[in-house]
Amino acid sequence: QVQLVESGGGLVQAGGSLRLSCAASGRTFIRSAMGWFRQAPGKEREFVAGLWWSGDTSFYADSVKGRFTMSRDNAANTVYLQMNGLKPEDTAVYYCATGERIVSLMDHHEYPYWGKGTPVTVSS
């Protein structure tokens, strides 16, 4: 069974930075993807960033490109999301997710395993 635990969320002023972590434990996947998603109240869950463990390239939503950076620590089975230049519209609960046979990193319906989320609030 896969377990994902996010951490690093909090309250920050606009223009500030946060670094989110997602630690994975349990079974390992031969071929897998990891994604960051966020969901604000009344909004649909939204893709933020993602990667395949077999690759070195991270992919980002247009809304965060240039501000957010996703990275990983293979040995620790942990991925990170460095968020710089935060804006009030970034306020949401941030989730990490993983799964096998992911075709589209941005499609949250393809991910069977999810963390419980970590809230991020950006004040003006």
PDB file of N, CA and C in Angstrom:
ATOM      1  N   GLN A   1       0.838  -1.172   0.000  1.00  0.00           N
ATOM      2  CA  GLN A   1       0.000   0.000   0.000  1.00  0.00           C
ATOM      3  C   GLN A   1       0.889   1.243   0.000  1.00  0.00           C
ATOM      4  N   VAL A   2       0.492   2.252  -0.760  1.00  0.00           N
ATOM      5  CA  VAL A   2       1.256   3.481  -0.882  1.00  0.00           C
ATOM      6  C   VAL A   2       0.703   4.517   0.083  1.00  0.00           C
ATOM      7  N   GLN A   3       1.609   5.176   0.765  1.00  0.00           N
ATOM      8  CA  GLN A   3       1.242   6.270   1.655  1.00  0.00           C
ATOM      9  C   GLN A   3       2.015   7.513   1.260  1.00  0.00           C
ATOM     10  N   LEU A   4       1.320   8.635   1.204  1.00  0.00           N
ATOM     11  CA  LEU A   4       1.920   9.906   0.857  1.00  0.00           C
ATOM     12  C   LEU A   4       1.633  10.909   1.962  1.00  0.00           C
ATOM     13  N   VAL A   5       2.653  11.626   2.372  1.00  0.00           N
ATOM     14  CA  VAL A   5       2.510  12.610   3.432  1.00  0.00           C
ATOM     15  C   VAL A   5       3.109  13.925   2.974  1.00  0.00           C
ATOM     16  N   GLU A   6       2.263  14.946   2.863  1.00  0.00           N
ATOM     17  CA  GLU A   6       2.720  16.279   2.495  1.00  0.00           C
ATOM     18  C   GLU A   6       3.057  17.082   3.745  1.00  0.00           C
ATOM     19  N   SER A   7       3.954  18.019   3.580  1.00  0.00           N
ATOM     20  CA  SER A   7       4.287  18.929   4.653  1.00  0.00           C
ATOM     21  C   SER A   7       4.829  20.220   4.059  1.00  0.00           C
ATOM     22  N   GLY A   8       4.896  21.253   4.871  1.00  0.00           N
ATOM     23  CA  GLY A   8       5.500  22.504   4.459  1.00  0.00           C
ATOM     24  C   GLY A   8       4.538  23.631   4.179  1.00  0.00           C
ATOM     25  N   GLY A   9       3.251  23.358   4.198  1.00  0.00           N
ATOM     26  CA  GLY A   9       2.284  24.409   3.967  1.00  0.00           C
ATOM     27  C   GLY A   9       2.212  25.374   5.129  1.00  0.00           C
ATOM     28  N   GLY A  10       1.557  26.486   4.892  1.00  0.00           N
ATOM     29  CA  GLY A  10       1.423  27.486   5.937  1.00  0.00           C
ATOM     30  C   GLY A  10       0.901  28.790   5.399  1.00  0.00           C
ATOM     31  N   LEU A  11       1.052  29.819   6.208  1.00  0.00           N
ATOM     32  CA  LEU A  11       0.614  31.162   5.860  1.00  0.00           C
ATOM     33  C   LEU A  11       1.823  31.997   5.469  1.00  0.00           C
ATOM     34  N   VAL A  12       1.723  32.654   4.338  1.00  0.00           N
ATOM     35  CA  VAL A  12       2.827  33.465   3.848  1.00  0.00           C
ATOM     36  C   VAL A  12       2.271  34.703   3.159  1.00  0.00           C
ATOM     37  N   GLN A  13       3.030  35.774   3.199  1.00  0.00           N
ATOM     38  CA  GLN A  13       2.626  36.999   2.525  1.00  0.00           C
ATOM     39  C   GLN A  13       2.897  36.906   1.029  1.00  0.00           C
ATOM     40  N   ALA A  14       2.139  37.669   0.266  1.00  0.00           N
ATOM     41  CA  ALA A  14       2.357  37.720  -1.173  1.00  0.00           C
ATOM     42  C   ALA A  14       3.803  38.081  -1.481  1.00  0.00           C
ATOM     43  N   GLY A  15       4.368  37.368  -2.439  1.00  0.00           N
ATOM     44  CA  GLY A  15       5.760  37.554  -2.791  1.00  0.00           C
ATOM     45  C   GLY A  15       6.705  36.644  -2.046  1.00  0.00           C
ATOM     46  N   GLY A  16       6.206  35.959  -1.037  1.00  0.00           N
ATOM     47  CA  GLY A  16       7.025  35.070  -0.243  1.00  0.00           C
ATOM     48  C   GLY A  16       7.193  33.705  -0.874  1.00  0.00           C
ATOM     49  N   SER A  17       7.840  32.815  -0.129  1.00  0.00           N
ATOM     50  CA  SER A  17       8.165  31.487  -0.632  1.00  0.00           C
ATOM     51  C   SER A  17       7.809  30.414   0.379  1.00  0.00           C
ATOM     52  N   LEU A  18       7.505  29.241  -0.136  1.00  0.00           N
ATOM     53  CA  LEU A  18       7.294  28.045   0.662  1.00  0.00           C
ATOM     54  C   LEU A  18       7.882  26.858  -0.080  1.00  0.00           C
ATOM     55  N   ARG A  19       8.282  25.862   0.672  1.00  0.00           N
ATOM     56  CA  ARG A  19       8.781  24.627   0.092  1.00  0.00           C
ATOM     57  C   ARG A  19       7.970  23.462   0.639  1.00  0.00           C
ATOM     58  N   LEU A  20       7.220  22.824  -0.236  1.00  0.00           N
ATOM     59  CA  LEU A  20       6.411  21.681   0.140  1.00  0.00           C
ATOM     60  C   LEU A  20       7.185  20.393  -0.083  1.00  0.00           C
ATOM     61  N   SER A  21       6.933  19.424   0.779  1.00  0.00           N
ATOM     62  CA  SER A  21       7.541  18.112   0.653  1.00  0.00           C
ATOM     63  C   SER A  21       6.452  17.056   0.595  1.00  0.00           C
ATOM     64  N   CYS A  22       6.734  15.988  -0.111  1.00  0.00           N
ATOM     65  CA  CYS A  22       5.834  14.848  -0.167  1.00  0.00           C
ATOM     66  C   CYS A  22       6.670  13.586  -0.062  1.00  0.00           C
ATOM     67  N   ALA A  23       6.535  12.898   1.048  1.00  0.00           N
ATOM     68  CA  ALA A  23       7.275  11.672   1.288  1.00  0.00           C
ATOM     69  C   ALA A  23       6.397  10.467   0.990  1.00  0.00           C
ATOM     70  N   ALA A  24       6.912   9.564   0.193  1.00  0.00           N
ATOM     71  CA  ALA A  24       6.190   8.363  -0.187  1.00  0.00           C
ATOM     72  C   ALA A  24       6.764   7.156   0.531  1.00  0.00           C
ATOM     73  N   SER A  25       5.891   6.265   0.951  1.00  0.00           N
ATOM     74  CA  SER A  25       6.313   5.024   1.584  1.00  0.00           C
ATOM     75  C   SER A  25       5.390   3.899   1.151  1.00  0.00           C
ATOM     76  N   GLY A  26       5.794   2.673   1.470  1.00  0.00           N
ATOM     77  CA  GLY A  26       5.016   1.522   1.065  1.00  0.00           C
ATOM     78  C   GLY A  26       5.577   0.892  -0.197  1.00  0.00           C
ATOM     79  N   ARG A  27       4.700   0.380  -0.998  1.00  0.00           N
ATOM     80  CA  ARG A  27       5.144  -0.294  -2.211  1.00  0.00           C
ATOM     81  C   ARG A  27       5.830   0.664  -3.169  1.00  0.00           C
ATOM     82  N   THR A  28       6.734   0.118  -3.934  1.00  0.00           N
ATOM     83  CA  THR A  28       7.414   0.898  -4.963  1.00  0.00           C
ATOM     84  C   THR A  28       6.897   0.510  -6.333  1.00  0.00           C
ATOM     85  N   PHE A  29       6.928   1.453  -7.229  1.00  0.00           N
ATOM     86  CA  PHE A  29       6.449   1.233  -8.588  1.00  0.00           C
ATOM     87  C   PHE A  29       7.618   1.161  -9.554  1.00  0.00           C
ATOM     88  N   ILE A  30       7.529   0.256 -10.501  1.00  0.00           N
ATOM     89  CA  ILE A  30       8.541   0.170 -11.541  1.00  0.00           C
ATOM     90  C   ILE A  30       8.471   1.383 -12.455  1.00  0.00           C
ATOM     91  N   ARG A  31       7.268   1.740 -12.813  1.00  0.00           N
ATOM     92  CA  ARG A  31       7.021   2.909 -13.633  1.00  0.00           C
ATOM     93  C   ARG A  31       5.938   3.740 -12.947  1.00  0.00           C
ATOM     94  N   SER A  32       6.269   4.951 -12.580  1.00  0.00           N
ATOM     95  CA  SER A  32       5.323   5.754 -11.841  1.00  0.00           C
ATOM     96  C   SER A  32       5.515   7.234 -12.124  1.00  0.00           C
ATOM     97  N   ALA A  33       4.517   7.980 -11.741  1.00  0.00           N
ATOM     98  CA  ALA A  33       4.544   9.424 -11.857  1.00  0.00           C
ATOM     99  C   ALA A  33       4.196  10.035 -10.515  1.00  0.00           C
ATOM    100  N   MET A  34       4.618  11.265 -10.324  1.00  0.00           N
ATOM    101  CA  MET A  34       4.273  12.014  -9.137  1.00  0.00           C
ATOM    102  C   MET A  34       3.766  13.374  -9.571  1.00  0.00           C
ATOM    103  N   GLY A  35       2.686  13.797  -8.967  1.00  0.00           N
ATOM    104  CA  GLY A  35       2.105  15.075  -9.320  1.00  0.00           C
ATOM    105  C   GLY A  35       1.754  15.900  -8.107  1.00  0.00           C
ATOM    106  N   TRP A  36       1.788  17.201  -8.293  1.00  0.00           N
ATOM    107  CA  TRP A  36       1.283  18.157  -7.326  1.00  0.00           C
ATOM    108  C   TRP A  36       0.003  18.769  -7.879  1.00  0.00           C
ATOM    109  N   PHE A  37      -1.021  18.784  -7.060  1.00  0.00           N
ATOM    110  CA  PHE A  37      -2.298  19.382  -7.414  1.00  0.00           C
ATOM    111  C   PHE A  37      -2.734  20.308  -6.294  1.00  0.00           C
ATOM    112  N   ARG A  38      -3.641  21.195  -6.607  1.00  0.00           N
ATOM    113  CA  ARG A  38      -4.179  22.079  -5.583  1.00  0.00           C
ATOM    114  C   ARG A  38      -5.666  22.260  -5.792  1.00  0.00           C
ATOM    115  N   GLN A  39      -6.343  22.568  -4.722  1.00  0.00           N
ATOM    116  CA  GLN A  39      -7.774  22.775  -4.789  1.00  0.00           C
ATOM    117  C   GLN A  39      -8.184  23.878  -3.824  1.00  0.00           C
ATOM    118  N   ALA A  40      -8.784  24.901  -4.375  1.00  0.00           N
ATOM    119  CA  ALA A  40      -9.325  25.992  -3.589  1.00  0.00           C
ATOM    120  C   ALA A  40     -10.814  25.748  -3.352  1.00  0.00           C
ATOM    121  N   PRO A  41     -11.382  26.344  -2.317  1.00  0.00           N
ATOM    122  CA  PRO A  41     -12.806  26.150  -2.043  1.00  0.00           C
ATOM    123  C   PRO A  41     -13.676  26.501  -3.242  1.00  0.00           C
ATOM    124  N   GLY A  42     -14.568  25.591  -3.597  1.00  0.00           N
ATOM    125  CA  GLY A  42     -15.467  25.805  -4.710  1.00  0.00           C
ATOM    126  C   GLY A  42     -14.844  25.609  -6.079  1.00  0.00           C
ATOM    127  N   LYS A  43     -13.586  25.218  -6.118  1.00  0.00           N
ATOM    128  CA  LYS A  43     -12.881  25.037  -7.380  1.00  0.00           C
ATOM    129  C   LYS A  43     -12.572  23.566  -7.617  1.00  0.00           C
ATOM    130  N   GLU A  44     -12.388  23.235  -8.871  1.00  0.00           N
ATOM    131  CA  GLU A  44     -11.989  21.888  -9.244  1.00  0.00           C
ATOM    132  C   GLU A  44     -10.512  21.690  -8.943  1.00  0.00           C
ATOM    133  N   ARG A  45     -10.145  20.460  -8.651  1.00  0.00           N
ATOM    134  CA  ARG A  45      -8.751  20.162  -8.401  1.00  0.00           C
ATOM    135  C   ARG A  45      -7.917  20.480  -9.646  1.00  0.00           C
ATOM    136  N   GLU A  46      -6.799  21.149  -9.428  1.00  0.00           N
ATOM    137  CA  GLU A  46      -6.013  21.723 -10.505  1.00  0.00           C
ATOM    138  C   GLU A  46      -4.586  21.190 -10.496  1.00  0.00           C
ATOM    139  N   PHE A  47      -4.103  20.839 -11.666  1.00  0.00           N
ATOM    140  CA  PHE A  47      -2.725  20.407 -11.813  1.00  0.00           C
ATOM    141  C   PHE A  47      -1.767  21.559 -11.577  1.00  0.00           C
ATOM    142  N   VAL A  48      -0.693  21.283 -10.865  1.00  0.00           N
ATOM    143  CA  VAL A  48       0.327  22.287 -10.586  1.00  0.00           C
ATOM    144  C   VAL A  48       1.653  21.903 -11.233  1.00  0.00           C
ATOM    145  N   ALA A  49       2.145  20.718 -10.913  1.00  0.00           N
ATOM    146  CA  ALA A  49       3.426  20.255 -11.433  1.00  0.00           C
ATOM    147  C   ALA A  49       3.471  18.739 -11.357  1.00  0.00           C
ATOM    148  N   GLY A  50       4.322  18.134 -12.179  1.00  0.00           N
ATOM    149  CA  GLY A  50       4.433  16.692 -12.149  1.00  0.00           C
ATOM    150  C   GLY A  50       5.674  16.194 -12.855  1.00  0.00           C
ATOM    151  N   LEU A  51       6.022  14.945 -12.579  1.00  0.00           N
ATOM    152  CA  LEU A  51       7.165  14.316 -13.211  1.00  0.00           C
ATOM    153  C   LEU A  51       6.987  12.813 -13.230  1.00  0.00           C
ATOM    154  N   TRP A  52       7.709  12.184 -14.126  1.00  0.00           N
ATOM    155  CA  TRP A  52       7.857  10.734 -14.106  1.00  0.00           C
ATOM    156  C   TRP A  52       9.183  10.402 -13.443  1.00  0.00           C
ATOM    157  N   TRP A  53       9.185   9.368 -12.606  1.00  0.00           N
ATOM    158  CA  TRP A  53      10.408   8.993 -11.905  1.00  0.00           C
ATOM    159  C   TRP A  53      11.518   8.583 -12.856  1.00  0.00           C
ATOM    160  N   SER A  54      11.163   8.119 -14.029  1.00  0.00           N
ATOM    161  CA  SER A  54      12.156   7.691 -15.002  1.00  0.00           C
ATOM    162  C   SER A  54      12.778   8.843 -15.774  1.00  0.00           C
ATOM    163  N   GLY A  55      12.231  10.044 -15.624  1.00  0.00           N
ATOM    164  CA  GLY A  55      12.716  11.188 -16.360  1.00  0.00           C
ATOM    165  C   GLY A  55      13.321  12.246 -15.459  1.00  0.00           C
ATOM    166  N   ASP A  56      13.907  13.250 -16.075  1.00  0.00           N
ATOM    167  CA  ASP A  56      14.547  14.336 -15.341  1.00  0.00           C
ATOM    168  C   ASP A  56      13.837  15.672 -15.528  1.00  0.00           C
ATOM    169  N   THR A  57      12.775  15.676 -16.295  1.00  0.00           N
ATOM    170  CA  THR A  57      12.072  16.911 -16.605  1.00  0.00           C
ATOM    171  C   THR A  57      10.792  17.025 -15.804  1.00  0.00           C
ATOM    172  N   SER A  58      10.589  18.179 -15.226  1.00  0.00           N
ATOM    173  CA  SER A  58       9.352  18.486 -14.528  1.00  0.00           C
ATOM    174  C   SER A  58       8.463  19.333 -15.423  1.00  0.00           C
ATOM    175  N   PHE A  59       7.162  19.177 -15.261  1.00  0.00           N
ATOM    176  CA  PHE A  59       6.193  19.877 -16.074  1.00  0.00           C
ATOM    177  C   PHE A  59       5.291  20.706 -15.177  1.00  0.00           C
ATOM    178  N   TYR A  60       4.864  21.854 -15.690  1.00  0.00           N
ATOM    179  CA  TYR A  60       4.165  22.815 -14.855  1.00  0.00           C
ATOM    180  C   TYR A  60       2.939  23.383 -15.546  1.00  0.00           C
ATOM    181  N   ALA A  61       1.972  23.728 -14.736  1.00  0.00           N
ATOM    182  CA  ALA A  61       0.853  24.497 -15.238  1.00  0.00           C
ATOM    183  C   ALA A  61       1.319  25.893 -15.612  1.00  0.00           C
ATOM    184  N   ASP A  62       0.672  26.479 -16.606  1.00  0.00           N
ATOM    185  CA  ASP A  62       1.058  27.810 -17.048  1.00  0.00           C
ATOM    186  C   ASP A  62       0.969  28.837 -15.918  1.00  0.00           C
ATOM    187  N   SER A  63       0.038  28.633 -15.015  1.00  0.00           N
ATOM    188  CA  SER A  63      -0.187  29.594 -13.955  1.00  0.00           C
ATOM    189  C   SER A  63       0.962  29.673 -12.952  1.00  0.00           C
ATOM    190  N   VAL A  64       1.795  28.636 -12.899  1.00  0.00           N
ATOM    191  CA  VAL A  64       2.889  28.615 -11.934  1.00  0.00           C
ATOM    192  C   VAL A  64       4.256  28.548 -12.592  1.00  0.00           C
ATOM    193  N   LYS A  65       4.290  28.401 -13.884  1.00  0.00           N
ATOM    194  CA  LYS A  65       5.553  28.261 -14.597  1.00  0.00           C
ATOM    195  C   LYS A  65       6.428  29.492 -14.379  1.00  0.00           C
ATOM    196  N   GLY A  66       7.681  29.251 -14.041  1.00  0.00           N
ATOM    197  CA  GLY A  66       8.604  30.327 -13.748  1.00  0.00           C
ATOM    198  C   GLY A  66       8.659  30.715 -12.292  1.00  0.00           C
ATOM    199  N   ARG A  67       7.676  30.282 -11.517  1.00  0.00           N
ATOM    200  CA  ARG A  67       7.641  30.585 -10.090  1.00  0.00           C
ATOM    201  C   ARG A  67       7.835  29.345  -9.227  1.00  0.00           C
ATOM    202  N   PHE A  68       7.309  28.213  -9.678  1.00  0.00           N
ATOM    203  CA  PHE A  68       7.383  26.974  -8.912  1.00  0.00           C
ATOM    204  C   PHE A  68       8.405  26.039  -9.548  1.00  0.00           C
ATOM    205  N   THR A  69       9.074  25.263  -8.715  1.00  0.00           N
ATOM    206  CA  THR A  69      10.041  24.283  -9.185  1.00  0.00           C
ATOM    207  C   THR A  69       9.824  22.968  -8.451  1.00  0.00           C
ATOM    208  N   MET A  70       9.650  21.904  -9.214  1.00  0.00           N
ATOM    209  CA  MET A  70       9.493  20.580  -8.637  1.00  0.00           C
ATOM    210  C   MET A  70      10.811  19.826  -8.723  1.00  0.00           C
ATOM    211  N   SER A  71      11.160  19.134  -7.665  1.00  0.00           N
ATOM    212  CA  SER A  71      12.378  18.345  -7.639  1.00  0.00           C
ATOM    213  C   SER A  71      12.128  17.062  -6.862  1.00  0.00           C
ATOM    214  N   ARG A  72      13.114  16.194  -6.858  1.00  0.00           N
ATOM    215  CA  ARG A  72      12.943  14.908  -6.195  1.00  0.00           C
ATOM    216  C   ARG A  72      14.235  14.443  -5.555  1.00  0.00           C
ATOM    217  N   ASP A  73      14.074  13.578  -4.572  1.00  0.00           N
ATOM    218  CA  ASP A  73      15.169  12.873  -3.943  1.00  0.00           C
ATOM    219  C   ASP A  73      14.839  11.396  -4.079  1.00  0.00           C
ATOM    220  N   ASN A  74      15.477  10.740  -5.021  1.00  0.00           N
ATOM    221  CA  ASN A  74      15.146   9.351  -5.313  1.00  0.00           C
ATOM    222  C   ASN A  74      15.372   8.430  -4.109  1.00  0.00           C
ATOM    223  N   ALA A  75      16.483   8.619  -3.430  1.00  0.00           N
ATOM    224  CA  ALA A  75      16.812   7.756  -2.303  1.00  0.00           C
ATOM    225  C   ALA A  75      15.798   7.880  -1.179  1.00  0.00           C
ATOM    226  N   ALA A  76      15.254   9.065  -1.008  1.00  0.00           N
ATOM    227  CA  ALA A  76      14.300   9.313   0.062  1.00  0.00           C
ATOM    228  C   ALA A  76      12.856   9.143  -0.372  1.00  0.00           C
ATOM    229  N   ASN A  77      12.638   8.818  -1.638  1.00  0.00           N
ATOM    230  CA  ASN A  77      11.285   8.706  -2.179  1.00  0.00           C
ATOM    231  C   ASN A  77      10.453   9.943  -1.839  1.00  0.00           C
ATOM    232  N   THR A  78      11.037  11.080  -2.071  1.00  0.00           N
ATOM    233  CA  THR A  78      10.429  12.340  -1.704  1.00  0.00           C
ATOM    234  C   THR A  78      10.489  13.314  -2.875  1.00  0.00           C
ATOM    235  N   VAL A  79       9.407  14.029  -3.084  1.00  0.00           N
ATOM    236  CA  VAL A  79       9.391  15.100  -4.061  1.00  0.00           C
ATOM    237  C   VAL A  79       9.111  16.410  -3.346  1.00  0.00           C
ATOM    238  N   TYR A  80       9.540  17.492  -3.968  1.00  0.00           N
ATOM    239  CA  TYR A  80       9.422  18.809  -3.383  1.00  0.00           C
ATOM    240  C   TYR A  80       8.780  19.763  -4.372  1.00  0.00           C
ATOM    241  N   LEU A  81       8.194  20.787  -3.837  1.00  0.00           N
ATOM    242  CA  LEU A  81       7.671  21.863  -4.652  1.00  0.00           C
ATOM    243  C   LEU A  81       8.114  23.181  -4.037  1.00  0.00           C
ATOM    244  N   GLN A  82       9.092  23.796  -4.670  1.00  0.00           N
ATOM    245  CA  GLN A  82       9.566  25.101  -4.240  1.00  0.00           C
ATOM    246  C   GLN A  82       8.690  26.163  -4.878  1.00  0.00           C
ATOM    247  N   MET A  83       8.043  26.949  -4.061  1.00  0.00           N
ATOM    248  CA  MET A  83       7.099  27.955  -4.536  1.00  0.00           C
ATOM    249  C   MET A  83       7.639  29.336  -4.198  1.00  0.00           C
ATOM    250  N   ASN A  84       7.962  30.088  -5.226  1.00  0.00           N
ATOM    251  CA  ASN A  84       8.464  31.442  -5.071  1.00  0.00           C
ATOM    252  C   ASN A  84       7.486  32.435  -5.677  1.00  0.00           C
ATOM    253  N   GLY A  85       7.607  33.671  -5.262  1.00  0.00           N
ATOM    254  CA  GLY A  85       6.726  34.703  -5.786  1.00  0.00           C
ATOM    255  C   GLY A  85       5.260  34.374  -5.615  1.00  0.00           C
ATOM    256  N   LEU A  86       4.897  33.905  -4.444  1.00  0.00           N
ATOM    257  CA  LEU A  86       3.527  33.458  -4.205  1.00  0.00           C
ATOM    258  C   LEU A  86       2.532  34.595  -4.328  1.00  0.00           C
ATOM    259  N   LYS A  87       1.380  34.253  -4.862  1.00  0.00           N
ATOM    260  CA  LYS A  87       0.298  35.199  -5.074  1.00  0.00           C
ATOM    261  C   LYS A  87      -0.937  34.744  -4.306  1.00  0.00           C
ATOM    262  N   PRO A  88      -1.834  35.659  -3.982  1.00  0.00           N
ATOM    263  CA  PRO A  88      -3.053  35.254  -3.276  1.00  0.00           C
ATOM    264  C   PRO A  88      -3.833  34.163  -4.008  1.00  0.00           C
ATOM    265  N   GLU A  89      -3.810  34.160  -5.321  1.00  0.00           N
ATOM    266  CA  GLU A  89      -4.519  33.146  -6.083  1.00  0.00           C
ATOM    267  C   GLU A  89      -3.886  31.759  -5.983  1.00  0.00           C
ATOM    268  N   ASP A  90      -2.714  31.664  -5.370  1.00  0.00           N
ATOM    269  CA  ASP A  90      -2.104  30.368  -5.103  1.00  0.00           C
ATOM    270  C   ASP A  90      -2.681  29.702  -3.857  1.00  0.00           C
ATOM    271  N   THR A  91      -3.507  30.415  -3.128  1.00  0.00           N
ATOM    272  CA  THR A  91      -4.104  29.875  -1.916  1.00  0.00           C
ATOM    273  C   THR A  91      -4.960  28.658  -2.239  1.00  0.00           C
ATOM    274  N   ALA A  92      -4.660  27.549  -1.589  1.00  0.00           N
ATOM    275  CA  ALA A  92      -5.362  26.298  -1.834  1.00  0.00           C
ATOM    276  C   ALA A  92      -4.790  25.230  -0.907  1.00  0.00           C
ATOM    277  N   VAL A  93      -5.453  24.096  -0.883  1.00  0.00           N
ATOM    278  CA  VAL A  93      -4.869  22.912  -0.284  1.00  0.00           C
ATOM    279  C   VAL A  93      -4.067  22.202  -1.365  1.00  0.00           C
ATOM    280  N   TYR A  94      -2.821  21.923  -1.073  1.00  0.00           N
ATOM    281  CA  TYR A  94      -1.936  21.291  -2.034  1.00  0.00           C
ATOM    282  C   TYR A  94      -1.801  19.810  -1.730  1.00  0.00           C
ATOM    283  N   TYR A  95      -1.973  18.995  -2.756  1.00  0.00           N
ATOM    284  CA  TYR A  95      -1.923  17.551  -2.637  1.00  0.00           C
ATOM    285  C   TYR A  95      -0.816  16.986  -3.513  1.00  0.00           C
ATOM    286  N   CYS A  96      -0.184  15.940  -3.039  1.00  0.00           N
ATOM    287  CA  CYS A  96       0.665  15.155  -3.915  1.00  0.00           C
ATOM    288  C   CYS A  96      -0.034  13.842  -4.224  1.00  0.00           C
ATOM    289  N   ALA A  97       0.269  13.300  -5.375  1.00  0.00           N
ATOM    290  CA  ALA A  97      -0.369  12.084  -5.832  1.00  0.00           C
ATOM    291  C   ALA A  97       0.620  11.259  -6.630  1.00  0.00           C
ATOM    292  N   THR A  98       0.376   9.962  -6.681  1.00  0.00           N
ATOM    293  CA  THR A  98       1.250   9.079  -7.443  1.00  0.00           C
ATOM    294  C   THR A  98       0.455   7.911  -7.991  1.00  0.00           C
ATOM    295  N   GLY A  99       1.029   7.233  -8.938  1.00  0.00           N
ATOM    296  CA  GLY A  99       0.388   6.067  -9.518  1.00  0.00           C
ATOM    297  C   GLY A  99       1.209   5.501 -10.657  1.00  0.00           C
ATOM    298  N   GLU A 100       0.831   4.311 -11.069  1.00  0.00           N
ATOM    299  CA  GLU A 100       1.453   3.650 -12.207  1.00  0.00           C
ATOM    300  C   GLU A 100       0.636   3.889 -13.465  1.00  0.00           C
ATOM    301  N   ARG A 101       1.279   3.710 -14.583  1.00  0.00           N
ATOM    302  CA  ARG A 101       0.625   3.793 -15.889  1.00  0.00           C
ATOM    303  C   ARG A 101      -0.079   5.122 -16.102  1.00  0.00           C
ATOM    304  N   ILE A 102       0.522   6.170 -15.615  1.00  0.00           N
ATOM    305  CA  ILE A 102      -0.024   7.503 -15.808  1.00  0.00           C
ATOM    306  C   ILE A 102       0.297   7.954 -17.223  1.00  0.00           C
ATOM    307  N   VAL A 103      -0.731   8.342 -17.946  1.00  0.00           N
ATOM    308  CA  VAL A 103      -0.556   8.811 -19.309  1.00  0.00           C
ATOM    309  C   VAL A 103      -0.395  10.323 -19.348  1.00  0.00           C
ATOM    310  N   SER A 104      -1.250  11.009 -18.617  1.00  0.00           N
ATOM    311  CA  SER A 104      -1.207  12.462 -18.557  1.00  0.00           C
ATOM    312  C   SER A 104      -0.944  12.905 -17.128  1.00  0.00           C
ATOM    313  N   LEU A 105       0.157  13.599 -16.933  1.00  0.00           N
ATOM    314  CA  LEU A 105       0.516  14.054 -15.596  1.00  0.00           C
ATOM    315  C   LEU A 105      -0.520  15.002 -15.014  1.00  0.00           C
ATOM    316  N   MET A 106      -1.209  15.732 -15.851  1.00  0.00           N
ATOM    317  CA  MET A 106      -2.118  16.764 -15.390  1.00  0.00           C
ATOM    318  C   MET A 106      -3.522  16.271 -15.082  1.00  0.00           C
ATOM    319  N   ASP A 107      -3.813  15.023 -15.376  1.00  0.00           N
ATOM    320  CA  ASP A 107      -5.151  14.485 -15.175  1.00  0.00           C
ATOM    321  C   ASP A 107      -5.234  13.830 -13.800  1.00  0.00           C
ATOM    322  N   HIS A 108      -5.880  14.498 -12.868  1.00  0.00           N
ATOM    323  CA  HIS A 108      -5.937  13.981 -11.503  1.00  0.00           C
ATOM    324  C   HIS A 108      -6.723  12.674 -11.402  1.00  0.00           C
ATOM    325  N   HIS A 109      -7.596  12.404 -12.372  1.00  0.00           N
ATOM    326  CA  HIS A 109      -8.374  11.173 -12.354  1.00  0.00           C
ATOM    327  C   HIS A 109      -7.506   9.930 -12.548  1.00  0.00           C
ATOM    328  N   GLU A 110      -6.314  10.099 -13.065  1.00  0.00           N
ATOM    329  CA  GLU A 110      -5.433   8.968 -13.320  1.00  0.00           C
ATOM    330  C   GLU A 110      -4.640   8.544 -12.094  1.00  0.00           C
ATOM    331  N   TYR A 111      -4.667   9.331 -11.049  1.00  0.00           N
ATOM    332  CA  TYR A 111      -3.849   9.049  -9.868  1.00  0.00           C
ATOM    333  C   TYR A 111      -4.671   8.324  -8.804  1.00  0.00           C
ATOM    334  N   PRO A 112      -4.293   7.112  -8.456  1.00  0.00           N
ATOM    335  CA  PRO A 112      -5.047   6.375  -7.436  1.00  0.00           C
ATOM    336  C   PRO A 112      -4.633   6.667  -5.996  1.00  0.00           C
ATOM    337  N   TYR A 113      -3.441   7.211  -5.801  1.00  0.00           N
ATOM    338  CA  TYR A 113      -2.931   7.413  -4.450  1.00  0.00           C
ATOM    339  C   TYR A 113      -2.707   8.892  -4.191  1.00  0.00           C
ATOM    340  N   TRP A 114      -3.220   9.345  -3.062  1.00  0.00           N
ATOM    341  CA  TRP A 114      -3.179  10.757  -2.709  1.00  0.00           C
ATOM    342  C   TRP A 114      -2.794  10.961  -1.260  1.00  0.00           C
ATOM    343  N   GLY A 115      -2.096  12.056  -1.002  1.00  0.00           N
ATOM    344  CA  GLY A 115      -1.896  12.488   0.356  1.00  0.00           C
ATOM    345  C   GLY A 115      -3.118  13.223   0.852  1.00  0.00           C
ATOM    346  N   LYS A 116      -3.088  13.588   2.110  1.00  0.00           N
ATOM    347  CA  LYS A 116      -4.221  14.284   2.713  1.00  0.00           C
ATOM    348  C   LYS A 116      -4.211  15.781   2.450  1.00  0.00           C
ATOM    349  N   GLY A 117      -3.111  16.294   1.962  1.00  0.00           N
ATOM    350  CA  GLY A 117      -3.024  17.689   1.594  1.00  0.00           C
ATOM    351  C   GLY A 117      -2.394  18.545   2.671  1.00  0.00           C
ATOM    352  N   THR A 118      -1.813  19.644   2.231  1.00  0.00           N
ATOM    353  CA  THR A 118      -1.262  20.638   3.141  1.00  0.00           C
ATOM    354  C   THR A 118      -1.737  22.013   2.686  1.00  0.00           C
ATOM    355  N   PRO A 119      -2.338  22.777   3.579  1.00  0.00           N
ATOM    356  CA  PRO A 119      -2.910  24.059   3.161  1.00  0.00           C
ATOM    357  C   PRO A 119      -1.857  25.146   3.005  1.00  0.00           C
ATOM    358  N   VAL A 120      -2.052  25.945   1.967  1.00  0.00           N
ATOM    359  CA  VAL A 120      -1.212  27.103   1.696  1.00  0.00           C
ATOM    360  C   VAL A 120      -2.109  28.321   1.599  1.00  0.00           C
ATOM    361  N   THR A 121      -1.815  29.319   2.390  1.00  0.00           N
ATOM    362  CA  THR A 121      -2.567  30.560   2.363  1.00  0.00           C
ATOM    363  C   THR A 121      -1.615  31.712   2.091  1.00  0.00           C
ATOM    364  N   VAL A 122      -1.925  32.475   1.064  1.00  0.00           N
ATOM    365  CA  VAL A 122      -1.101  33.620   0.683  1.00  0.00           C
ATOM    366  C   VAL A 122      -1.916  34.877   0.904  1.00  0.00           C
ATOM    367  N   SER A 123      -1.456  35.720   1.781  1.00  0.00           N
ATOM    368  CA  SER A 123      -2.164  36.949   2.114  1.00  0.00           C
ATOM    369  C   SER A 123      -1.613  38.123   1.330  1.00  0.00           C
ATOM    370  N   SER A 124      -2.465  39.126   1.120  1.00  0.00           N
ATOM    371  CA  SER A 124      -2.070  40.329   0.396  1.00  0.00           C
ATOM    372  C   SER A 124      -1.302  41.282   1.290  1.00  0.00           C
TER     373      SER A 124
END
